[in-house]
């Protein structure tokens, strides 16, 4: 797996380190209302069409977005047949992170994060499966039309 895709393997590892740093490192935001995110949310709150975008909605969407690449990279790394392994690892990573956050001062473990992170990983796997569907179909067709036994190969070669 890693020997066939060394760049993807390194990139996936680097992204997992980044996710670990973001989720398990020091909390990057202070609770003041002067932050860029809170100012943007204040602007969105002024308009009825965007007033539904709250901090909780934004955080949920950000968690989905952060775990989307994990699912995508893992399904590309493991292959289509092991899609279930990519889902399991993506969901397992979020369980490990949320459990670890219970013991880290300043961090809050939230069941909604389990849902959002797992949803992001699953969506990433689904998109990976969609992106590779055409090539998988083509490879499957080539396998069914290609002679498999030496006798079939010799017969196929004499027919041409």
N, C-alpha and C. Protein backbone atom coordinates (compact mmCIF):
# COMPACT_ATOMS: atom_id res chain seq x y z
N UNK A 1 0.83 -1.18 0.00
CA UNK A 1 0.00 0.00 0.00
C UNK A 1 0.88 1.25 0.00
N UNK A 2 1.73 1.42 1.01
CA UNK A 2 2.57 2.61 1.05
C UNK A 2 3.66 2.56 -0.01
N UNK A 3 4.12 1.36 -0.38
CA UNK A 3 5.14 1.28 -1.42
C UNK A 3 4.57 1.62 -2.79
N UNK A 4 3.27 1.43 -2.98
CA UNK A 4 2.64 1.78 -4.25
C UNK A 4 2.28 3.26 -4.32
N UNK A 5 2.04 3.87 -3.18
CA UNK A 5 1.62 5.28 -3.13
C UNK A 5 2.44 6.03 -2.07
N UNK A 6 3.74 6.17 -2.25
CA UNK A 6 4.54 6.79 -1.18
C UNK A 6 4.20 8.25 -0.93
N UNK A 7 3.91 9.00 -1.98
CA UNK A 7 3.59 10.43 -1.80
C UNK A 7 2.26 10.57 -1.08
N UNK A 8 1.26 9.81 -1.51
CA UNK A 8 -0.04 9.85 -0.85
C UNK A 8 0.08 9.40 0.60
N UNK A 9 0.90 8.38 0.86
CA UNK A 9 1.11 7.91 2.22
C UNK A 9 1.74 8.98 3.10
N UNK A 10 2.75 9.67 2.58
CA UNK A 10 3.39 10.75 3.34
C UNK A 10 2.42 11.91 3.56
N UNK A 11 1.67 12.25 2.54
CA UNK A 11 0.72 13.35 2.65
C UNK A 11 -0.37 13.01 3.66
N UNK A 12 -0.85 11.76 3.64
CA UNK A 12 -1.87 11.32 4.59
C UNK A 12 -1.32 11.39 6.01
N UNK A 13 -0.09 10.91 6.20
CA UNK A 13 0.54 10.96 7.52
C UNK A 13 0.70 12.39 8.01
N UNK A 14 1.14 13.28 7.12
CA UNK A 14 1.29 14.68 7.50
C UNK A 14 -0.05 15.30 7.87
N UNK A 15 -1.10 14.97 7.12
CA UNK A 15 -2.42 15.51 7.42
C UNK A 15 -2.93 14.99 8.76
N UNK A 16 -2.66 13.72 9.05
CA UNK A 16 -3.08 13.16 10.34
C UNK A 16 -2.34 13.84 11.50
N UNK A 17 -1.07 14.17 11.30
CA UNK A 17 -0.32 14.91 12.32
C UNK A 17 -0.94 16.29 12.51
N UNK A 18 -1.31 16.95 11.42
CA UNK A 18 -1.95 18.26 11.50
C UNK A 18 -3.27 18.17 12.27
N UNK A 19 -4.09 17.17 11.96
CA UNK A 19 -5.37 17.00 12.66
C UNK A 19 -5.12 16.75 14.15
N UNK A 20 -4.12 15.93 14.45
CA UNK A 20 -3.77 15.68 15.85
C UNK A 20 -3.36 16.96 16.56
N UNK A 21 -2.57 17.78 15.89
CA UNK A 21 -2.12 19.05 16.49
C UNK A 21 -3.31 19.99 16.73
N UNK A 22 -4.22 20.06 15.74
CA UNK A 22 -5.38 20.95 15.87
C UNK A 22 -6.32 20.48 16.98
N UNK A 23 -6.54 19.18 17.05
CA UNK A 23 -7.54 18.66 17.98
C UNK A 23 -7.01 18.37 19.37
N UNK A 24 -5.72 18.15 19.49
CA UNK A 24 -5.15 17.78 20.79
C UNK A 24 -4.18 18.82 21.34
N UNK A 25 -3.82 19.79 20.52
CA UNK A 25 -2.89 20.84 20.95
C UNK A 25 -3.60 21.91 21.75
N UNK A 26 -2.89 22.98 22.05
CA UNK A 26 -3.50 24.08 22.80
C UNK A 26 -4.66 24.71 22.04
N UNK A 27 -5.67 25.11 22.77
CA UNK A 27 -6.86 25.71 22.17
C UNK A 27 -6.46 27.02 21.50
N UNK A 28 -6.72 27.18 20.19
CA UNK A 28 -6.25 28.36 19.48
C UNK A 28 -7.09 29.62 19.68
N UNK A 29 -8.32 29.47 20.15
CA UNK A 29 -9.21 30.63 20.25
C UNK A 29 -9.39 31.06 21.70
N UNK A 30 -9.43 32.36 21.89
CA UNK A 30 -9.87 32.84 23.20
C UNK A 30 -11.36 33.14 23.08
N UNK A 31 -12.01 33.34 24.18
CA UNK A 31 -13.47 33.49 24.17
C UNK A 31 -13.92 34.93 23.93
N UNK A 32 -13.00 35.80 23.60
CA UNK A 32 -13.40 37.20 23.38
C UNK A 32 -14.21 37.30 22.09
N UNK A 33 -15.07 38.28 22.05
CA UNK A 33 -15.90 38.50 20.87
C UNK A 33 -15.19 39.33 19.82
N UNK A 34 -13.90 39.57 19.97
CA UNK A 34 -13.17 40.39 19.01
C UNK A 34 -12.54 39.56 17.90
N UNK A 35 -12.61 38.25 17.97
CA UNK A 35 -11.99 37.40 16.97
C UNK A 35 -12.65 37.52 15.62
N UNK A 36 -11.92 37.17 14.59
CA UNK A 36 -12.42 37.24 13.22
C UNK A 36 -13.67 36.39 13.03
N UNK A 37 -13.67 35.21 13.60
CA UNK A 37 -14.82 34.32 13.44
C UNK A 37 -16.07 34.94 14.05
N UNK A 38 -15.92 35.50 15.26
CA UNK A 38 -17.10 36.09 15.92
C UNK A 38 -17.57 37.34 15.19
N UNK A 39 -16.65 38.10 14.62
CA UNK A 39 -17.06 39.28 13.83
C UNK A 39 -17.81 38.84 12.58
N UNK A 40 -17.31 37.78 11.91
CA UNK A 40 -18.00 37.28 10.71
C UNK A 40 -19.39 36.75 11.07
N UNK A 41 -19.48 36.05 12.19
CA UNK A 41 -20.78 35.55 12.63
C UNK A 41 -21.73 36.69 12.97
N UNK A 42 -21.18 37.78 13.51
CA UNK A 42 -21.99 38.97 13.80
C UNK A 42 -22.57 39.57 12.53
N UNK A 43 -21.78 39.60 11.47
CA UNK A 43 -22.25 40.12 10.19
C UNK A 43 -23.33 39.19 9.62
N UNK A 44 -23.08 37.90 9.68
CA UNK A 44 -24.08 36.95 9.16
C UNK A 44 -25.38 36.99 9.94
N UNK A 45 -25.30 37.31 11.22
CA UNK A 45 -26.49 37.36 12.07
C UNK A 45 -27.39 38.55 11.74
N UNK A 46 -26.83 39.56 11.09
CA UNK A 46 -27.61 40.76 10.75
C UNK A 46 -28.65 40.49 9.67
N UNK A 47 -28.44 39.45 8.87
CA UNK A 47 -29.32 39.17 7.74
C UNK A 47 -30.13 37.91 8.03
N UNK A 48 -31.40 38.00 7.74
CA UNK A 48 -32.30 36.89 8.05
C UNK A 48 -31.91 35.61 7.30
N UNK A 49 -31.45 35.75 6.07
CA UNK A 49 -31.10 34.57 5.26
C UNK A 49 -29.90 33.81 5.81
N UNK A 50 -29.01 34.49 6.54
CA UNK A 50 -27.81 33.83 7.06
C UNK A 50 -27.76 33.80 8.58
N UNK A 51 -28.82 34.19 9.23
CA UNK A 51 -28.80 34.24 10.70
C UNK A 51 -28.76 32.84 11.32
N UNK A 52 -29.07 31.82 10.56
CA UNK A 52 -29.02 30.44 11.06
C UNK A 52 -27.59 29.94 11.23
N UNK A 53 -26.63 30.64 10.64
CA UNK A 53 -25.22 30.23 10.73
C UNK A 53 -24.68 30.72 12.07
N UNK A 54 -24.66 29.83 13.03
CA UNK A 54 -24.19 30.15 14.37
C UNK A 54 -22.81 29.53 14.58
N UNK A 55 -22.22 29.81 15.73
CA UNK A 55 -20.92 29.23 16.04
C UNK A 55 -21.00 27.70 16.06
N UNK A 56 -22.06 27.15 16.63
CA UNK A 56 -22.22 25.69 16.69
C UNK A 56 -22.33 25.08 15.29
N UNK A 57 -23.08 25.73 14.41
CA UNK A 57 -23.21 25.26 13.03
C UNK A 57 -21.87 25.33 12.32
N UNK A 58 -21.17 26.43 12.50
CA UNK A 58 -19.86 26.61 11.87
C UNK A 58 -18.85 25.58 12.39
N UNK A 59 -18.85 25.33 13.69
CA UNK A 59 -17.93 24.35 14.27
C UNK A 59 -18.26 22.94 13.76
N UNK A 60 -19.53 22.60 13.67
CA UNK A 60 -19.94 21.28 13.17
C UNK A 60 -19.47 21.10 11.73
N UNK A 61 -19.70 22.12 10.90
CA UNK A 61 -19.27 22.07 9.49
C UNK A 61 -17.75 21.99 9.38
N UNK A 62 -17.04 22.71 10.24
CA UNK A 62 -15.57 22.67 10.22
C UNK A 62 -15.06 21.28 10.59
N UNK A 63 -15.72 20.62 11.54
CA UNK A 63 -15.32 19.26 11.91
C UNK A 63 -15.55 18.29 10.75
N UNK A 64 -16.64 18.45 10.04
CA UNK A 64 -16.89 17.61 8.86
C UNK A 64 -15.80 17.86 7.83
N UNK A 65 -15.52 19.13 7.57
CA UNK A 65 -14.51 19.49 6.57
C UNK A 65 -13.12 18.99 6.96
N UNK A 66 -12.79 18.99 8.25
CA UNK A 66 -11.47 18.56 8.67
C UNK A 66 -11.30 17.05 8.50
N UNK A 67 -12.35 16.27 8.66
CA UNK A 67 -12.22 14.82 8.56
C UNK A 67 -12.53 14.29 7.16
N UNK A 68 -13.07 15.12 6.29
CA UNK A 68 -13.34 14.72 4.91
C UNK A 68 -12.07 14.23 4.21
N UNK A 69 -10.96 14.98 4.27
CA UNK A 69 -9.74 14.50 3.61
C UNK A 69 -9.22 13.18 4.18
N UNK A 70 -9.44 12.95 5.46
CA UNK A 70 -8.97 11.69 6.06
C UNK A 70 -9.65 10.51 5.38
N UNK A 71 -10.96 10.57 5.24
CA UNK A 71 -11.69 9.50 4.56
C UNK A 71 -11.26 9.36 3.11
N UNK A 72 -11.10 10.48 2.42
CA UNK A 72 -10.69 10.47 1.01
C UNK A 72 -9.30 9.87 0.86
N UNK A 73 -8.34 10.35 1.64
CA UNK A 73 -6.96 9.85 1.54
C UNK A 73 -6.89 8.37 1.88
N UNK A 74 -7.62 7.93 2.91
CA UNK A 74 -7.54 6.54 3.32
C UNK A 74 -8.13 5.60 2.27
N UNK A 75 -9.24 5.98 1.65
CA UNK A 75 -9.81 5.10 0.62
C UNK A 75 -8.91 5.07 -0.61
N UNK A 76 -8.27 6.18 -0.92
CA UNK A 76 -7.32 6.18 -2.05
C UNK A 76 -6.08 5.35 -1.71
N UNK A 77 -5.67 5.40 -0.47
CA UNK A 77 -4.49 4.67 -0.03
C UNK A 77 -4.75 3.16 0.06
N UNK A 78 -5.87 2.77 0.65
CA UNK A 78 -6.18 1.36 0.85
C UNK A 78 -6.81 0.71 -0.38
N UNK A 79 -7.49 1.50 -1.20
CA UNK A 79 -8.17 0.95 -2.37
C UNK A 79 -9.66 0.79 -2.12
N UNK A 80 -10.37 0.63 -3.20
CA UNK A 80 -11.84 0.55 -3.14
C UNK A 80 -12.33 -0.66 -2.35
N UNK A 81 -11.63 -1.79 -2.46
CA UNK A 81 -12.09 -2.99 -1.76
C UNK A 81 -12.07 -2.83 -0.25
N UNK A 82 -11.17 -2.01 0.25
CA UNK A 82 -11.05 -1.82 1.70
C UNK A 82 -11.69 -0.51 2.15
N UNK A 83 -12.76 -0.11 1.49
CA UNK A 83 -13.46 1.12 1.86
C UNK A 83 -13.92 1.07 3.31
N UNK A 84 -14.34 -0.09 3.75
CA UNK A 84 -14.83 -0.27 5.12
C UNK A 84 -13.71 -0.02 6.13
N UNK A 85 -12.47 -0.35 5.76
CA UNK A 85 -11.33 -0.09 6.64
C UNK A 85 -11.08 1.42 6.75
N UNK A 86 -11.23 2.12 5.63
CA UNK A 86 -11.06 3.58 5.65
C UNK A 86 -12.12 4.23 6.55
N UNK A 87 -13.36 3.75 6.46
CA UNK A 87 -14.43 4.26 7.33
C UNK A 87 -14.12 3.94 8.79
N UNK A 88 -13.71 2.71 9.05
CA UNK A 88 -13.41 2.29 10.42
C UNK A 88 -12.27 3.11 11.03
N UNK A 89 -11.21 3.32 10.26
CA UNK A 89 -10.08 4.09 10.77
C UNK A 89 -10.48 5.55 10.98
N UNK A 90 -11.21 6.12 10.01
CA UNK A 90 -11.66 7.51 10.15
C UNK A 90 -12.51 7.71 11.38
N UNK A 91 -13.45 6.81 11.61
CA UNK A 91 -14.31 6.90 12.80
C UNK A 91 -13.51 6.57 14.06
N UNK A 92 -12.59 5.64 13.96
CA UNK A 92 -11.76 5.28 15.11
C UNK A 92 -10.87 6.43 15.56
N UNK A 93 -10.35 7.18 14.60
CA UNK A 93 -9.50 8.33 14.93
C UNK A 93 -10.28 9.34 15.75
N UNK A 94 -11.52 9.61 15.37
CA UNK A 94 -12.31 10.58 16.11
C UNK A 94 -12.64 10.08 17.51
N UNK A 95 -12.86 8.78 17.68
CA UNK A 95 -13.09 8.23 19.02
C UNK A 95 -11.86 8.41 19.89
N UNK A 96 -10.68 8.14 19.32
CA UNK A 96 -9.42 8.32 20.06
C UNK A 96 -9.23 9.78 20.44
N UNK A 97 -9.48 10.68 19.51
CA UNK A 97 -9.31 12.12 19.78
C UNK A 97 -10.26 12.58 20.87
N UNK A 98 -11.53 12.24 20.74
CA UNK A 98 -12.50 12.70 21.74
C UNK A 98 -12.22 12.09 23.12
N UNK A 99 -11.75 10.86 23.14
CA UNK A 99 -11.39 10.24 24.42
C UNK A 99 -10.17 10.93 25.02
N UNK A 100 -9.18 11.22 24.20
CA UNK A 100 -7.98 11.91 24.69
C UNK A 100 -8.31 13.30 25.21
N UNK A 101 -9.27 13.98 24.57
CA UNK A 101 -9.64 15.33 24.99
C UNK A 101 -10.24 15.34 26.40
N UNK A 102 -10.76 14.22 26.86
CA UNK A 102 -11.28 14.15 28.22
C UNK A 102 -10.19 14.40 29.25
N UNK A 103 -8.96 14.09 28.90
CA UNK A 103 -7.84 14.17 29.84
C UNK A 103 -6.92 15.35 29.57
N UNK A 104 -7.24 16.20 28.61
CA UNK A 104 -6.40 17.36 28.28
C UNK A 104 -7.06 18.61 28.83
N UNK A 105 -6.36 19.32 29.73
CA UNK A 105 -6.93 20.56 30.28
C UNK A 105 -7.19 21.58 29.17
N UNK A 106 -8.34 22.22 29.25
CA UNK A 106 -8.69 23.23 28.27
C UNK A 106 -9.39 22.67 27.04
N UNK A 107 -9.45 21.38 26.92
CA UNK A 107 -10.13 20.75 25.79
C UNK A 107 -11.47 20.20 26.24
N UNK A 108 -12.43 20.18 25.34
CA UNK A 108 -13.76 19.68 25.66
C UNK A 108 -14.11 18.57 24.69
N UNK A 109 -14.45 17.42 25.23
CA UNK A 109 -14.90 16.31 24.41
C UNK A 109 -16.41 16.46 24.21
N UNK A 110 -16.86 16.37 22.97
CA UNK A 110 -18.27 16.61 22.66
C UNK A 110 -18.79 15.49 21.76
N UNK A 111 -19.90 14.88 22.12
CA UNK A 111 -20.47 13.81 21.27
C UNK A 111 -20.82 14.30 19.87
N UNK A 112 -21.16 15.59 19.75
CA UNK A 112 -21.45 16.13 18.41
C UNK A 112 -20.21 16.07 17.52
N UNK A 113 -19.02 16.20 18.14
CA UNK A 113 -17.79 16.10 17.36
C UNK A 113 -17.60 14.69 16.82
N UNK A 114 -18.00 13.69 17.60
CA UNK A 114 -17.95 12.30 17.10
C UNK A 114 -18.80 12.15 15.84
N UNK A 115 -19.99 12.73 15.89
CA UNK A 115 -20.90 12.64 14.75
C UNK A 115 -20.33 13.41 13.55
N UNK A 116 -19.89 14.64 13.77
CA UNK A 116 -19.39 15.47 12.67
C UNK A 116 -18.11 14.88 12.07
N UNK A 117 -17.17 14.47 12.91
CA UNK A 117 -15.91 13.92 12.40
C UNK A 117 -16.16 12.62 11.63
N UNK A 118 -17.01 11.76 12.19
CA UNK A 118 -17.32 10.50 11.50
C UNK A 118 -18.04 10.77 10.18
N UNK A 119 -18.95 11.72 10.18
CA UNK A 119 -19.66 12.08 8.94
C UNK A 119 -18.67 12.59 7.91
N UNK A 120 -17.72 13.40 8.33
CA UNK A 120 -16.71 13.90 7.40
C UNK A 120 -15.87 12.78 6.80
N UNK A 121 -15.44 11.83 7.64
CA UNK A 121 -14.65 10.70 7.15
C UNK A 121 -15.48 9.85 6.18
N UNK A 122 -16.73 9.60 6.52
CA UNK A 122 -17.59 8.79 5.66
C UNK A 122 -17.85 9.50 4.33
N UNK A 123 -18.10 10.80 4.37
CA UNK A 123 -18.28 11.56 3.12
C UNK A 123 -17.02 11.52 2.27
N UNK A 124 -15.86 11.62 2.90
CA UNK A 124 -14.60 11.53 2.17
C UNK A 124 -14.43 10.18 1.49
N UNK A 125 -14.80 9.11 2.18
CA UNK A 125 -14.73 7.77 1.59
C UNK A 125 -15.70 7.67 0.40
N UNK A 126 -16.92 8.18 0.58
CA UNK A 126 -17.91 8.12 -0.51
C UNK A 126 -17.43 8.90 -1.74
N UNK A 127 -16.87 10.08 -1.52
CA UNK A 127 -16.35 10.86 -2.66
C UNK A 127 -15.18 10.13 -3.31
N UNK A 128 -14.32 9.52 -2.50
CA UNK A 128 -13.22 8.74 -3.05
C UNK A 128 -13.72 7.58 -3.91
N UNK A 129 -14.76 6.92 -3.44
CA UNK A 129 -15.35 5.83 -4.22
C UNK A 129 -15.95 6.35 -5.52
N UNK A 130 -16.60 7.50 -5.47
CA UNK A 130 -17.16 8.09 -6.69
C UNK A 130 -16.07 8.50 -7.67
N UNK A 131 -15.00 9.08 -7.14
CA UNK A 131 -13.90 9.53 -8.01
C UNK A 131 -13.18 8.37 -8.69
N UNK A 132 -13.16 7.22 -8.05
CA UNK A 132 -12.45 6.08 -8.62
C UNK A 132 -13.37 5.08 -9.32
N UNK A 133 -14.66 5.37 -9.37
CA UNK A 133 -15.63 4.42 -9.94
C UNK A 133 -15.38 4.15 -11.42
N UNK A 134 -15.10 5.17 -12.20
CA UNK A 134 -14.92 5.00 -13.64
C UNK A 134 -13.71 4.10 -13.93
N UNK A 135 -12.60 4.38 -13.26
CA UNK A 135 -11.40 3.57 -13.48
C UNK A 135 -11.62 2.14 -13.00
N UNK A 136 -12.30 1.97 -11.88
CA UNK A 136 -12.58 0.62 -11.37
C UNK A 136 -13.45 -0.15 -12.36
N UNK A 137 -14.43 0.51 -12.93
CA UNK A 137 -15.30 -0.13 -13.92
C UNK A 137 -14.50 -0.54 -15.15
N UNK A 138 -13.61 0.35 -15.60
CA UNK A 138 -12.79 0.05 -16.77
C UNK A 138 -11.86 -1.14 -16.49
N UNK A 139 -11.23 -1.16 -15.32
CA UNK A 139 -10.35 -2.28 -14.95
C UNK A 139 -11.12 -3.58 -14.84
N UNK A 140 -12.34 -3.53 -14.31
CA UNK A 140 -13.18 -4.72 -14.20
C UNK A 140 -13.54 -5.25 -15.58
N UNK A 141 -13.85 -4.35 -16.51
CA UNK A 141 -14.18 -4.77 -17.86
C UNK A 141 -12.96 -5.38 -18.56
N UNK A 142 -11.80 -4.80 -18.35
CA UNK A 142 -10.58 -5.34 -18.94
C UNK A 142 -10.30 -6.73 -18.40
N UNK A 143 -10.54 -6.94 -17.12
CA UNK A 143 -10.30 -8.26 -16.51
C UNK A 143 -11.25 -9.31 -17.08
N UNK A 144 -12.48 -8.93 -17.33
CA UNK A 144 -13.44 -9.92 -17.84
C UNK A 144 -13.21 -10.23 -19.30
N UNK A 145 -12.66 -9.31 -20.07
CA UNK A 145 -12.42 -9.56 -21.49
C UNK A 145 -11.04 -10.16 -21.74
N UNK A 146 -10.13 -10.06 -20.79
CA UNK A 146 -8.78 -10.59 -20.95
C UNK A 146 -8.79 -12.09 -20.65
N UNK A 147 -8.16 -12.89 -21.52
CA UNK A 147 -8.07 -14.33 -21.24
C UNK A 147 -7.26 -14.59 -19.97
N UNK A 148 -7.71 -15.55 -19.17
CA UNK A 148 -7.06 -15.79 -17.89
C UNK A 148 -6.14 -17.00 -17.92
N UNK A 149 -6.52 -18.09 -18.55
CA UNK A 149 -5.67 -19.29 -18.55
C UNK A 149 -4.74 -19.27 -19.76
N UNK A 150 -3.61 -20.02 -19.71
CA UNK A 150 -2.71 -20.07 -20.87
C UNK A 150 -3.41 -20.61 -22.10
N UNK A 151 -4.30 -21.59 -21.94
CA UNK A 151 -5.02 -22.14 -23.09
C UNK A 151 -5.92 -21.08 -23.71
N UNK A 152 -6.64 -20.32 -22.85
CA UNK A 152 -7.51 -19.26 -23.39
C UNK A 152 -6.67 -18.21 -24.10
N UNK A 153 -5.48 -17.90 -23.58
CA UNK A 153 -4.62 -16.92 -24.22
C UNK A 153 -4.17 -17.40 -25.60
N UNK A 154 -3.82 -18.67 -25.71
CA UNK A 154 -3.36 -19.17 -27.00
C UNK A 154 -4.51 -19.22 -28.01
N UNK A 155 -5.70 -19.57 -27.53
CA UNK A 155 -6.87 -19.57 -28.43
C UNK A 155 -7.22 -18.15 -28.83
N UNK A 156 -7.18 -17.22 -27.87
CA UNK A 156 -7.49 -15.83 -28.18
C UNK A 156 -6.46 -15.25 -29.14
N UNK A 157 -5.20 -15.65 -28.99
CA UNK A 157 -4.15 -15.15 -29.87
C UNK A 157 -4.29 -15.68 -31.27
N UNK A 158 -4.77 -16.93 -31.45
CA UNK A 158 -4.92 -17.51 -32.78
C UNK A 158 -6.15 -16.97 -33.48
N UNK A 159 -7.15 -16.51 -32.73
CA UNK A 159 -8.36 -15.97 -33.32
C UNK A 159 -8.10 -14.61 -33.93
N UNK A 160 -7.24 -13.85 -33.32
CA UNK A 160 -6.99 -12.48 -33.80
C UNK A 160 -6.33 -12.54 -35.10
